[in-house]
Amino acid sequence: MEQEKNLSCDTVIAGGGIAGLVSALELLQNGQQVIIIDRDTPERLGGLARWAFGGMALSETPQQKRMKIPDSPQKLLNDWHSFAEFSDKDIWPKAWAKEYSEHNFGKVYQWLKSIGLTFLPAVNWVERGLYAAGNSLPRYHVLWGTGWELTETVIKLLSPFIGSGKLKIFHQHKVLETLFEQEVCTGVSVKSENSNSQFEVKAKNTIIACGGINGSIEKVIENWPYKSEKENKTLLNGANPLSDGKLHEQIKKIGGNVTHEDKMWNYAAGIHHPQAEFEGHGLSLIPCKSAIWLDHKGKRIGPMPLITGFDTNFLCQQVVNQKKSWTWQVLNWDIAKKELAVSGSLHNPSIKNKKLFTFLKEILFGNTRLIKQLEQESGDFISADTIEELVIKMNSITDDNYIDTNIIKNEIAIYDEILARPSNLQNDEQIRRIEHARQWKPDKLRTCKPQPIVSSSKKQKLIAIRLHLISRKSLGGVQTNLKSQVLKENEDIIPNLYCVGEAAGFGGGGASGKRSLEGTFLSGCILTARNAAEAINLDKSEND
């Protein structure tokens, strides 16, 4: 096997996602020499953050104050604990929840502003809670430019250090293992993905920033988080196959504590990616609140109707409970025009490219561009003029004629009849939650006034979307203290070894607990990365 010349630096970082890049930037700005080992190609530097929508759960921001949202760190922490359902043993996840609640404004929001990034003025209200209280107030801030702008901005700030030689990035290389001398981490061994060459990087400090395990469907199934059988459950991959958990296994072997691998943040509304880059590649939709959610036979799922924006974990559990691995949302063109959205930067070009006029036009008049795009590109997206035609098309993309026209007609008719009543006689939980969402003005802009699926007053196209469970984020990971130092099971640190971002379960091996308040992932990567860099920089200054 070919052996390359071994290298040395102050800090080596395993992973070029946003957590790894932020760590590198903070260290480089303090005079360190840094090497990043990244498994992906150069144009994909930044990892999933590049494709992310850019939403962040933040508190006490100018946007919140402008909208008179009376938030505070304590309110955020109370909501966090309600959704997380921590156990008494979750010492470090609780510590990171507190750290996030108290420092998200200073360490995330103000830092992002300092590097030139801005947020949309409206604050959205997501994960409001269903059976457990979620966000008691609106906190979801969207980056103007999406995660793409965040990634490009950080890479631009890193460029001078690449030019000076202070930063070296090895693309399409993977870290095989961490190196040790007398129980102190001294760097990593590396292998090229394109050849058999191997080399070592010796470093004073090592940061693991490899992402989570949810890029491996096998790992997801192995750590199945739902109360149901995992056999015969097809799910799409909305992460990166390179996030395969191999480094987590290696950290376990050296004594690091990896916890809560069965905690995940998946989504219930995935479709097959129209431009799939690997087998099973999925695209995550933001499901429409005003659509009715049906099982594989066309029956409305219940008794609690499925509706997004309240408890994503509950939605996933209900989808997994179905007899088949797919469900359906049925709606009409007017609903889709106002509510249909795709999570991510590429399908939100007006925000990604900061086209304010186009963005406002889509908000006010509807996003027909996205409907037409999915109609043309997605095999999971069906449109028709009648229910009869819709059913034929729905059955044609499954392995049998599961849907009976009369059954689906009846389900739609029951829902539409309730909507035809005066509002004081509309007894339906989905309608109540739609009305509740519309009380908050930013959500009202993206949520239809309750309306029937099949209108008696005007003719319009009907739409059916076949949905699958889609893997996304690992909520568990390598356990760390508030300095992002890797911990053993007895809570001793592993000297000179750090872990950040999703690899660390966004802090402490599972800062979110059972559920996320949504928008804690990109910001959690930044927070854990900055804490790691701060600790390393402080240690360097004390030893200089």
Protein backbone atom coordinates (compact mmCIF):
# COMPACT_ATOMS: atom_id res chain seq x y z
CA MET A 1 0.00 0.00 0.00
CA GLU A 2 1.34 3.41 -1.00
CA GLN A 3 2.40 5.56 1.93
CA GLU A 4 2.37 9.35 1.65
CA LYS A 5 4.52 11.64 3.75
CA ASN A 6 3.11 12.21 7.22
CA LEU A 7 1.97 15.71 8.15
CA SER A 8 1.67 17.79 11.30
CA CYS A 9 -0.38 20.79 12.41
CA ASP A 10 -1.87 22.43 15.49
CA THR A 11 -5.37 20.98 14.95
CA VAL A 12 -6.68 18.35 12.56
CA ILE A 13 -10.41 18.24 11.84
CA ALA A 14 -12.19 15.11 10.62
CA GLY A 15 -15.02 16.45 8.47
CA GLY A 16 -15.64 19.49 6.29
CA GLY A 17 -19.26 20.14 7.22
CA ILE A 18 -20.29 23.46 8.70
CA ALA A 19 -19.21 22.44 12.22
CA GLY A 20 -15.74 21.54 10.99
CA LEU A 21 -15.44 24.73 8.93
CA VAL A 22 -16.52 27.00 11.79
CA SER A 23 -14.07 25.29 14.14
CA ALA A 24 -11.31 25.78 11.58
CA LEU A 25 -12.12 29.46 11.06
CA GLU A 26 -12.06 30.24 14.77
CA LEU A 27 -8.74 28.43 15.20
CA LEU A 28 -7.12 29.98 12.14
CA GLN A 29 -8.11 33.46 13.24
CA ASN A 30 -6.20 32.75 16.45
CA GLY A 31 -3.02 31.85 14.59
CA GLN A 32 -3.29 28.07 14.45
CA GLN A 33 -2.29 25.82 11.58
CA VAL A 34 -5.20 23.55 10.63
CA ILE A 35 -5.75 20.52 8.39
CA ILE A 36 -9.27 19.40 7.39
CA ILE A 37 -9.88 15.85 6.18
CA ASP A 38 -13.13 15.68 4.22
CA ARG A 39 -14.63 12.70 2.44
CA ASP A 40 -16.63 14.67 -0.13
CA THR A 41 -15.66 16.51 -3.30
CA PRO A 42 -14.45 20.15 -3.25
CA GLU A 43 -17.72 21.59 -4.59
CA ARG A 44 -19.62 19.92 -1.74
CA LEU A 45 -17.46 21.39 1.02
CA GLY A 46 -19.77 22.43 3.84
CA GLY A 47 -21.75 19.21 3.91
CA LEU A 48 -25.50 19.22 4.41
CA ALA A 49 -25.45 22.85 5.54
CA ARG A 50 -24.94 23.79 1.88
CA TRP A 51 -28.32 22.24 1.01
CA ALA A 52 -30.14 23.29 4.20
CA PHE A 53 -33.02 25.75 4.31
CA GLY A 54 -31.21 27.72 6.99
CA GLY A 55 -33.78 27.83 9.78
CA MET A 56 -32.55 28.38 13.32
CA ALA A 57 -34.28 28.40 16.70
CA LEU A 58 -33.08 31.62 18.32
CA SER A 59 -34.31 33.71 21.24
CA GLU A 60 -34.23 37.36 22.31
CA THR A 61 -33.35 38.48 18.79
CA PRO A 62 -34.21 41.89 17.31
CA GLN A 63 -36.69 40.07 15.05
CA GLN A 64 -38.50 38.63 18.05
CA LYS A 65 -38.50 41.98 19.85
CA ARG A 66 -39.80 43.76 16.76
CA MET A 67 -42.69 41.28 16.63
CA LYS A 68 -43.26 41.63 20.39
CA ILE A 69 -42.44 38.00 21.18
CA PRO A 70 -41.67 37.89 24.92
CA ASP A 71 -38.98 35.19 24.80
CA SER A 72 -36.20 34.48 27.27
CA PRO A 73 -33.49 31.84 27.86
CA GLN A 74 -35.58 30.32 30.64
CA LYS A 75 -38.68 30.01 28.44
CA LEU A 76 -36.60 28.39 25.72
CA LEU A 77 -35.06 25.98 28.21
CA ASN A 78 -38.47 25.08 29.66
CA ASP A 79 -39.78 24.30 26.17
CA TRP A 80 -36.63 22.35 25.37
CA HIS A 81 -37.02 20.11 28.42
CA SER A 82 -40.70 19.52 27.66
CA PHE A 83 -39.95 18.25 24.17
CA ALA A 84 -36.71 16.46 25.04
CA GLU A 85 -38.13 14.28 27.84
CA PHE A 86 -34.66 13.94 29.36
CA SER A 87 -33.90 11.19 31.86
CA ASP A 88 -32.08 11.71 35.16
CA LYS A 89 -28.93 10.32 33.51
CA ASP A 90 -28.86 12.96 30.77
CA ILE A 91 -26.44 15.24 32.60
CA TRP A 92 -24.50 16.46 29.59
CA PRO A 93 -27.47 16.73 27.20
CA LYS A 94 -29.18 18.90 29.83
CA ALA A 95 -26.02 20.99 30.21
CA TRP A 96 -25.90 21.59 26.45
CA ALA A 97 -29.61 22.46 26.36
CA LYS A 98 -28.90 25.11 29.00
CA GLU A 99 -25.81 26.27 27.11
CA TYR A 100 -27.83 26.68 23.92
CA SER A 101 -30.70 28.46 25.67
CA GLU A 102 -28.40 30.94 27.38
CA HIS A 103 -25.88 31.56 24.59
CA ASN A 104 -27.63 31.06 21.23
CA PHE A 105 -28.03 34.82 20.81
CA GLY A 106 -24.42 35.73 21.54
CA LYS A 107 -22.58 32.72 20.16
CA VAL A 108 -24.78 32.06 17.14
CA TYR A 109 -26.98 35.02 16.15
CA GLN A 110 -24.46 37.78 16.84
CA TRP A 111 -21.62 35.74 15.36
CA LEU A 112 -23.58 35.21 12.14
CA LYS A 113 -24.31 38.93 11.97
CA SER A 114 -20.60 39.66 12.51
CA ILE A 115 -19.65 37.70 9.38
CA GLY A 116 -22.24 39.56 7.30
CA LEU A 117 -25.26 37.25 7.37
CA THR A 118 -28.84 38.39 7.90
CA PHE A 119 -32.20 36.82 8.67
CA LEU A 120 -35.64 37.31 7.18
CA PRO A 121 -37.66 39.75 9.33
CA ALA A 122 -40.49 37.32 10.09
CA VAL A 123 -40.17 34.72 12.85
CA ASN A 124 -42.04 31.49 12.16
CA TRP A 125 -43.69 29.23 14.70
CA VAL A 126 -42.83 25.55 14.27
CA GLU A 127 -43.02 22.46 16.50
CA ARG A 128 -45.76 23.95 18.68
CA GLY A 129 -46.31 20.62 20.38
CA LEU A 130 -49.14 18.10 20.31
CA TYR A 131 -49.26 15.87 23.39
CA ALA A 132 -46.12 17.45 24.85
CA ALA A 133 -45.58 21.21 24.85
CA GLY A 134 -43.13 22.36 22.19
CA ASN A 135 -42.23 25.90 21.21
CA SER A 136 -44.51 28.06 23.34
CA LEU A 137 -43.45 31.06 21.24
CA PRO A 138 -42.24 31.67 17.66
CA ARG A 139 -38.46 31.20 17.38
CA TYR A 140 -37.73 29.91 13.88
CA HIS A 141 -35.47 32.40 12.06
CA VAL A 142 -34.61 31.85 8.38
CA LEU A 143 -31.20 32.87 7.00
CA TRP A 144 -31.49 35.20 4.02
CA GLY A 145 -29.57 33.16 1.47
CA THR A 146 -30.27 29.82 3.22
CA GLY A 147 -27.59 27.44 4.42
CA TRP A 148 -25.93 27.92 1.04
CA GLU A 149 -25.05 31.52 1.90
CA LEU A 150 -23.79 30.46 5.33
CA THR A 151 -21.50 27.87 3.77
CA GLU A 152 -20.21 30.14 1.03
CA THR A 153 -19.54 32.95 3.51
CA VAL A 154 -17.50 30.74 5.83
CA ILE A 155 -15.55 29.26 2.90
CA LYS A 156 -14.79 32.77 1.65
CA LEU A 157 -13.43 33.68 5.08
CA LEU A 158 -11.27 30.54 5.01
CA SER A 159 -9.82 31.29 1.55
CA PRO A 160 -6.98 33.60 2.68
CA PHE A 161 -5.77 30.92 5.08
CA ILE A 162 -5.71 28.39 2.26
CA GLY A 163 -3.69 30.86 0.20
CA SER A 164 -1.20 31.40 3.03
CA GLY A 165 -0.83 27.68 3.69
CA LYS A 166 -2.22 27.94 7.20
CA LEU A 167 -5.16 25.75 6.16
CA LYS A 168 -4.90 22.57 4.12
CA ILE A 169 -7.98 20.64 3.03
CA PHE A 170 -7.75 17.06 1.84
CA HIS A 171 -10.88 16.36 -0.20
CA GLN A 172 -12.08 12.79 -0.81
CA HIS A 173 -9.99 11.48 2.06
CA LYS A 174 -11.32 9.74 5.13
CA VAL A 175 -10.10 9.43 8.67
CA LEU A 176 -9.56 5.78 9.54
CA GLU A 177 -8.82 6.18 13.22
CA THR A 178 -7.53 8.48 15.91
CA LEU A 179 -3.93 8.07 17.03
CA PHE A 180 -2.76 7.86 20.63
CA GLU A 181 0.41 8.04 22.67
CA GLN A 182 0.11 7.30 26.40
CA GLU A 183 -3.69 7.68 26.24
CA VAL A 184 -3.45 11.17 24.71
CA CYS A 185 -4.86 11.76 21.22
CA THR A 186 -2.08 12.78 18.86
CA GLY A 187 -3.84 12.99 15.50
CA VAL A 188 -5.43 10.74 12.90
CA SER A 189 -4.59 8.20 10.22
CA VAL A 190 -5.99 9.04 6.79
CA LYS A 191 -6.75 7.18 3.58
CA SER A 192 -7.46 8.58 0.13
CA GLU A 193 -10.88 7.62 -1.26
CA ASN A 194 -9.38 7.55 -4.76
CA SER A 195 -6.26 5.50 -4.13
CA ASN A 196 -4.67 3.17 -1.64
CA SER A 197 -2.41 5.86 -0.24
CA GLN A 198 -2.38 6.41 3.51
CA PHE A 199 -0.70 8.89 5.81
CA GLU A 200 -0.88 10.24 9.33
CA VAL A 201 -1.59 13.75 10.56
CA LYS A 202 0.04 14.50 13.89
CA ALA A 203 -1.69 17.29 15.81
CA LYS A 204 -1.86 18.83 19.25
CA ASN A 205 -5.66 18.65 19.03
CA THR A 206 -8.12 16.56 17.02
CA ILE A 207 -11.73 17.53 16.29
CA ILE A 208 -14.26 14.95 15.11
CA ALA A 209 -16.80 16.66 12.85
CA CYS A 210 -17.90 13.73 10.70
CA GLY A 211 -21.67 14.24 10.90
CA GLY A 212 -24.15 11.71 12.24
CA ILE A 213 -25.10 8.14 11.41
CA ASN A 214 -28.32 8.77 9.47
CA GLY A 215 -26.61 8.68 6.10
CA SER A 216 -26.53 4.92 6.59
CA ILE A 217 -29.99 3.37 6.29
CA GLU A 218 -28.51 0.22 7.85
CA LYS A 219 -27.55 2.27 10.93
CA VAL A 220 -31.00 3.82 11.09
CA ILE A 221 -32.62 0.39 11.04
CA GLU A 222 -30.09 -0.96 13.54
CA ASN A 223 -31.01 1.86 15.94
CA TRP A 224 -34.70 1.98 14.98
CA PRO A 225 -36.29 4.77 17.08
CA TYR A 226 -39.96 3.90 16.61
CA LYS A 227 -42.33 1.62 18.48
CA SER A 228 -43.06 -0.63 15.52
CA GLU A 229 -41.59 -3.42 13.49
CA LYS A 230 -38.69 -2.25 11.35
CA GLU A 231 -38.95 -5.05 8.80
CA ASN A 232 -40.49 -4.16 5.45
CA LYS A 233 -40.20 -0.46 6.18
CA THR A 234 -38.81 1.38 3.19
CA LEU A 235 -37.35 4.77 3.97
CA LEU A 236 -35.52 7.30 1.87
CA ASN A 237 -32.11 8.76 2.62
CA GLY A 238 -32.21 12.51 3.17
CA ALA A 239 -28.74 12.70 4.66
CA ASN A 240 -25.35 11.93 3.12
CA PRO A 241 -24.23 8.30 2.66
CA LEU A 242 -20.77 9.41 3.76
CA SER A 243 -22.23 9.96 7.25
CA ASP A 244 -22.08 6.25 7.94
CA GLY A 245 -21.15 6.07 11.64
CA LYS A 246 -17.74 4.46 11.08
CA LEU A 247 -15.93 7.07 13.14
CA HIS A 248 -18.51 6.71 15.91
CA GLU A 249 -17.59 3.02 16.06
CA GLN A 250 -13.91 3.91 16.24
CA ILE A 251 -14.55 6.40 19.06
CA LYS A 252 -16.30 3.62 20.97
CA LYS A 253 -13.27 1.36 20.54
CA ILE A 254 -10.95 3.92 22.13
CA GLY A 255 -13.28 4.31 25.10
CA GLY A 256 -15.38 7.30 24.04
CA ASN A 257 -18.99 7.28 25.19
CA VAL A 258 -21.48 7.26 22.29
CA THR A 259 -25.05 7.70 23.49
CA HIS A 260 -28.66 7.97 22.31
CA GLU A 261 -28.06 6.48 18.86
CA ASP A 262 -31.75 5.54 18.82
CA LYS A 263 -32.74 9.23 18.95
CA MET A 264 -33.27 10.66 15.47
CA TRP A 265 -34.91 13.56 13.72
CA ASN A 266 -36.43 12.04 10.60
CA TYR A 267 -39.31 13.41 8.54
CA ALA A 268 -42.63 11.90 7.50
CA ALA A 269 -42.94 13.52 4.09
CA GLY A 270 -40.12 12.43 1.82
CA ILE A 271 -40.30 11.87 -1.91
CA HIS A 272 -37.76 10.27 -4.24
CA HIS A 273 -35.25 12.92 -5.22
CA PRO A 274 -35.85 13.92 -8.86
CA GLN A 275 -32.07 14.38 -9.32
CA ALA A 276 -30.97 11.44 -7.19
CA GLU A 277 -27.24 11.25 -6.54
CA PHE A 278 -27.31 7.81 -4.90
CA GLU A 279 -29.67 4.90 -4.41
CA GLY A 280 -32.63 5.78 -2.20
CA HIS A 281 -31.87 9.51 -2.27
CA GLY A 282 -34.83 11.42 -0.87
CA LEU A 283 -36.12 14.97 -0.83
CA SER A 284 -37.96 16.26 2.23
CA LEU A 285 -41.20 18.15 1.67
CA ILE A 286 -42.81 20.50 4.16
CA PRO A 287 -46.23 18.82 4.07
CA CYS A 288 -49.26 21.01 3.49
CA LYS A 289 -51.38 21.68 6.59
CA SER A 290 -54.58 21.86 4.52
CA ALA A 291 -54.11 18.56 2.69
CA ILE A 292 -55.72 15.43 4.08
CA TRP A 293 -53.26 12.68 4.97
CA LEU A 294 -54.32 9.19 3.86
CA ASP A 295 -53.05 5.64 4.25
CA HIS A 296 -52.24 3.33 1.34
CA LYS A 297 -55.93 2.51 0.89
CA GLY A 298 -57.01 6.14 0.74
CA LYS A 299 -58.43 6.27 4.28
CA ARG A 300 -57.74 9.31 6.41
CA ILE A 301 -55.13 8.53 9.07
CA GLY A 302 -56.39 9.01 12.61
CA PRO A 303 -57.97 9.23 15.04
CA MET A 304 -55.68 12.25 15.41
CA PRO A 305 -55.36 13.70 11.89
CA LEU A 306 -51.79 14.19 10.72
CA ILE A 307 -50.82 17.84 10.36
CA THR A 308 -47.37 19.36 10.24
CA GLY A 309 -45.99 22.10 12.46
CA PHE A 310 -46.77 20.59 15.86
CA ASP A 311 -44.81 17.39 16.53
CA THR A 312 -42.64 15.88 13.80
CA ASN A 313 -41.73 12.89 15.95
CA PHE A 314 -45.44 12.05 16.28
CA LEU A 315 -45.92 12.30 12.51
CA CYS A 316 -43.04 9.89 11.90
CA GLN A 317 -44.37 7.42 14.46
CA GLN A 318 -47.84 7.44 12.86
CA VAL A 319 -46.41 6.95 9.36
CA VAL A 320 -44.30 4.03 10.58
CA ASN A 321 -47.42 2.50 12.16
CA GLN A 322 -49.12 2.16 8.76
CA LYS A 323 -49.25 -1.21 7.04
CA LYS A 324 -47.37 0.04 4.00
CA SER A 325 -44.26 2.17 3.83
CA TRP A 326 -45.97 5.02 1.99
CA THR A 327 -48.81 7.41 2.73
CA TRP A 328 -50.62 10.01 0.63
CA GLN A 329 -51.44 13.67 0.89
CA VAL A 330 -54.39 14.77 -1.25
CA LEU A 331 -55.04 18.44 -1.91
CA ASN A 332 -55.94 20.84 -4.68
CA TRP A 333 -54.00 23.34 -6.76
CA ASP A 334 -54.95 26.36 -4.61
CA ILE A 335 -53.72 24.68 -1.42
CA ALA A 336 -50.49 23.59 -3.07
CA LYS A 337 -49.87 27.05 -4.49
CA LYS A 338 -49.90 28.60 -1.02
CA GLU A 339 -48.60 25.81 1.22
CA LEU A 340 -46.43 23.36 -0.71
CA ALA A 341 -42.73 23.71 0.05
CA VAL A 342 -39.53 21.69 -0.09
CA SER A 343 -37.01 21.81 2.72
CA GLY A 344 -33.62 22.95 1.47
CA SER A 345 -31.75 25.64 -0.42
CA LEU A 346 -32.04 24.38 -4.00
CA HIS A 347 -35.84 24.33 -4.07
CA ASN A 348 -36.09 27.79 -2.53
CA PRO A 349 -34.13 29.80 -5.13
CA SER A 350 -35.74 33.13 -4.28
CA ILE A 351 -34.36 32.88 -0.71
CA LYS A 352 -31.11 31.16 -1.68
CA ASN A 353 -30.32 33.76 -4.34
CA LYS A 354 -31.76 36.62 -2.25
CA LYS A 355 -34.33 37.66 -4.86
CA LEU A 356 -36.63 39.75 -2.68
CA PHE A 357 -39.19 40.63 -5.36
CA THR A 358 -39.58 36.99 -6.45
CA PHE A 359 -39.82 35.85 -2.83
CA LEU A 360 -42.58 38.36 -2.04
CA LYS A 361 -44.39 37.49 -5.26
CA GLU A 362 -44.42 33.77 -4.33
CA ILE A 363 -45.64 34.57 -0.82
CA LEU A 364 -48.47 36.81 -2.03
CA PHE A 365 -49.55 35.03 -5.21
CA GLY A 366 -48.43 31.45 -4.70
CA ASN A 367 -45.52 29.30 -5.77
CA THR A 368 -46.74 27.82 -9.04
CA ARG A 369 -43.10 27.36 -10.13
CA LEU A 370 -42.55 24.66 -7.51
CA ILE A 371 -45.82 22.84 -8.34
CA LYS A 372 -44.96 22.71 -12.03
CA GLN A 373 -41.41 21.61 -11.26
CA LEU A 374 -42.55 18.70 -9.09
CA GLU A 375 -45.30 17.81 -11.57
CA GLN A 376 -42.69 17.47 -14.31
CA GLU A 377 -39.84 15.92 -12.32
CA SER A 378 -41.26 13.78 -9.50
CA GLY A 379 -42.73 10.32 -9.91
CA ASP A 380 -44.36 10.73 -6.48
CA PHE A 381 -46.32 13.83 -7.54
CA ILE A 382 -49.61 13.29 -9.37
CA SER A 383 -52.22 15.72 -10.68
CA ALA A 384 -55.61 15.07 -12.26
CA ASP A 385 -58.89 16.80 -13.06
CA THR A 386 -61.13 14.30 -11.22
CA ILE A 387 -60.91 11.94 -8.26
CA GLU A 388 -61.47 8.99 -10.59
CA GLU A 389 -58.48 9.97 -12.73
CA LEU A 390 -56.41 10.71 -9.63
CA VAL A 391 -57.07 7.23 -8.18
CA ILE A 392 -56.05 5.52 -11.41
CA LYS A 393 -52.75 7.39 -11.37
CA MET A 394 -52.21 6.75 -7.65
CA ASN A 395 -52.70 3.01 -8.07
CA SER A 396 -50.44 2.97 -11.12
CA ILE A 397 -47.34 3.89 -9.09
CA THR A 398 -47.81 1.23 -6.37
CA ASP A 399 -47.66 -2.54 -6.61
CA ASP A 400 -51.43 -3.08 -6.52
CA ASN A 401 -54.77 -1.29 -6.86
CA TYR A 402 -55.03 -0.53 -3.16
CA ILE A 403 -57.22 2.56 -3.40
CA ASP A 404 -60.94 2.15 -3.99
CA THR A 405 -62.44 5.24 -5.61
CA ASN A 406 -65.53 5.12 -3.40
CA ILE A 407 -63.44 4.98 -0.20
CA ILE A 408 -61.29 7.99 -1.02
CA LYS A 409 -64.32 9.90 -2.32
CA ASN A 410 -66.08 9.28 0.97
CA GLU A 411 -63.09 10.43 3.06
CA ILE A 412 -62.81 13.66 1.07
CA ALA A 413 -66.58 14.21 1.17
CA ILE A 414 -66.71 13.87 4.97
CA TYR A 415 -63.92 16.42 5.42
CA ASP A 416 -65.39 18.79 2.83
CA GLU A 417 -68.86 18.58 4.41
CA ILE A 418 -67.46 19.71 7.76
CA LEU A 419 -65.78 22.65 6.05
CA ALA A 420 -69.06 23.58 4.36
CA ARG A 421 -70.65 24.22 7.77
CA PRO A 422 -70.54 27.55 9.59
CA SER A 423 -67.26 27.87 11.50
CA ASN A 424 -69.00 27.42 14.86
CA LEU A 425 -70.08 23.91 13.78
CA GLN A 426 -66.74 22.72 12.33
CA ASN A 427 -65.72 19.96 14.73
CA ASP A 428 -62.46 18.63 13.31
CA GLU A 429 -59.01 18.68 14.92
CA GLN A 430 -57.18 19.43 11.68
CA ILE A 431 -59.36 22.49 11.05
CA ARG A 432 -58.79 23.70 14.61
CA ARG A 433 -55.04 23.44 14.18
CA ILE A 434 -55.11 25.19 10.83
CA GLU A 435 -57.01 28.07 12.42
CA HIS A 436 -54.56 28.10 15.33
CA ALA A 437 -51.59 28.31 12.93
CA ARG A 438 -53.23 31.16 11.04
CA GLN A 439 -53.44 33.27 14.19
CA TRP A 440 -49.70 33.98 13.77
CA LYS A 441 -49.29 36.32 10.79
CA PRO A 442 -46.11 34.82 9.24
CA ASP A 443 -47.76 31.38 9.27
CA LYS A 444 -51.01 32.83 7.94
CA LEU A 445 -49.12 33.89 4.83
CA ARG A 446 -48.26 30.23 4.16
CA THR A 447 -51.46 28.55 5.41
CA CYS A 448 -54.78 28.55 3.55
CA LYS A 449 -58.02 29.54 5.13
CA PRO A 450 -59.75 26.17 5.69
CA GLN A 451 -61.22 25.11 2.38
CA PRO A 452 -62.62 21.92 0.82
CA ILE A 453 -60.45 19.62 -1.24
CA VAL A 454 -63.09 19.35 -3.97
CA SER A 455 -64.85 22.64 -4.56
CA SER A 456 -68.45 22.75 -5.73
CA SER A 457 -68.08 26.33 -6.94
CA LYS A 458 -65.00 26.07 -9.17
CA LYS A 459 -63.11 23.43 -11.05
CA GLN A 460 -59.45 22.97 -10.24
CA LYS A 461 -56.78 20.32 -10.46
CA LEU A 462 -56.44 17.76 -7.71
CA ILE A 463 -53.02 16.66 -6.46
CA ALA A 464 -51.84 13.50 -4.71
CA ILE A 465 -48.33 13.16 -3.31
CA ARG A 466 -46.93 9.78 -2.30
CA LEU A 467 -44.85 10.23 0.86
CA HIS A 468 -42.21 8.11 2.57
CA LEU A 469 -40.35 8.33 5.85
CA ILE A 470 -37.00 10.02 5.18
CA SER A 471 -33.87 9.86 7.33
CA ARG A 472 -32.30 13.18 8.31
CA LYS A 473 -30.50 13.95 11.56
CA SER A 474 -28.92 11.91 14.34
CA LEU A 475 -29.93 13.32 17.72
CA GLY A 476 -27.44 11.10 19.56
CA GLY A 477 -23.69 10.92 19.21
CA VAL A 478 -20.35 11.22 20.95
CA GLN A 479 -20.75 12.50 24.50
CA THR A 480 -18.98 15.78 25.17
CA ASN A 481 -18.65 18.36 27.93
CA LEU A 482 -19.28 22.08 27.37
CA LYS A 483 -15.78 22.46 25.92
CA SER A 484 -16.74 19.83 23.30
CA GLN A 485 -14.13 17.46 24.75
CA VAL A 486 -14.87 13.79 24.18
CA LEU A 487 -15.85 11.94 27.36
CA LYS A 488 -15.43 8.38 28.48
CA GLU A 489 -18.30 6.51 30.10
CA ASN A 490 -16.94 7.50 33.54
CA GLU A 491 -16.97 11.15 32.31
CA ASP A 492 -13.19 11.45 32.21
CA ILE A 493 -12.02 13.41 29.18
CA ILE A 494 -9.95 11.87 26.40
CA PRO A 495 -7.09 14.41 26.26
CA ASN A 496 -6.83 16.56 23.12
CA LEU A 497 -9.87 14.96 21.45
CA TYR A 498 -12.97 17.03 20.65
CA CYS A 499 -16.26 16.39 18.87
CA VAL A 500 -18.66 18.93 17.36
CA GLY A 501 -21.90 19.24 15.44
CA GLU A 502 -24.09 16.28 14.58
CA ALA A 503 -21.28 13.85 15.43
CA ALA A 504 -21.72 14.94 19.05
CA GLY A 505 -25.52 14.84 18.91
CA PHE A 506 -25.29 18.65 18.69
CA GLY A 507 -23.61 18.58 22.10
CA GLY A 508 -23.35 16.11 24.95
CA GLY A 509 -24.24 13.09 22.85
CA GLY A 510 -27.89 14.08 22.55
CA ALA A 511 -28.72 17.69 23.44
CA SER A 512 -32.19 17.51 21.88
CA GLY A 513 -33.31 14.42 23.76
CA LYS A 514 -36.30 12.74 22.14
CA ARG A 515 -37.40 15.66 19.96
CA SER A 516 -35.93 18.83 18.55
CA LEU A 517 -37.66 22.19 18.78
CA GLU A 518 -36.59 22.42 15.09
CA GLY A 519 -33.93 24.82 13.95
CA THR A 520 -31.40 23.62 16.51
CA PHE A 521 -29.14 21.81 14.03
CA LEU A 522 -27.22 24.44 12.04
CA SER A 523 -27.09 26.63 15.13
CA GLY A 524 -26.07 23.64 17.26
CA CYS A 525 -23.19 22.98 14.86
CA ILE A 526 -22.02 26.57 15.21
CA LEU A 527 -22.33 26.56 19.00
CA THR A 528 -20.45 23.30 19.57
CA ALA A 529 -17.79 24.27 17.03
CA ARG A 530 -17.18 27.65 18.63
CA ASN A 531 -17.02 26.11 22.11
CA ALA A 532 -14.40 23.62 20.93
CA ALA A 533 -12.32 26.31 19.26
CA GLU A 534 -12.59 28.58 22.28
CA ALA A 535 -11.31 25.81 24.57
CA ILE A 536 -8.42 24.95 22.21
CA ASN A 537 -7.47 28.60 21.76
CA LEU A 538 -7.56 29.19 25.50
CA ASP A 539 -5.38 26.15 26.14
CA LYS A 540 -2.91 27.36 23.49
CA SER A 541 -2.68 30.85 25.02
CA GLU A 542 -2.12 29.42 28.49
CA ASN A 543 0.69 27.18 27.24
CA ASP A 544 2.42 29.73 25.02
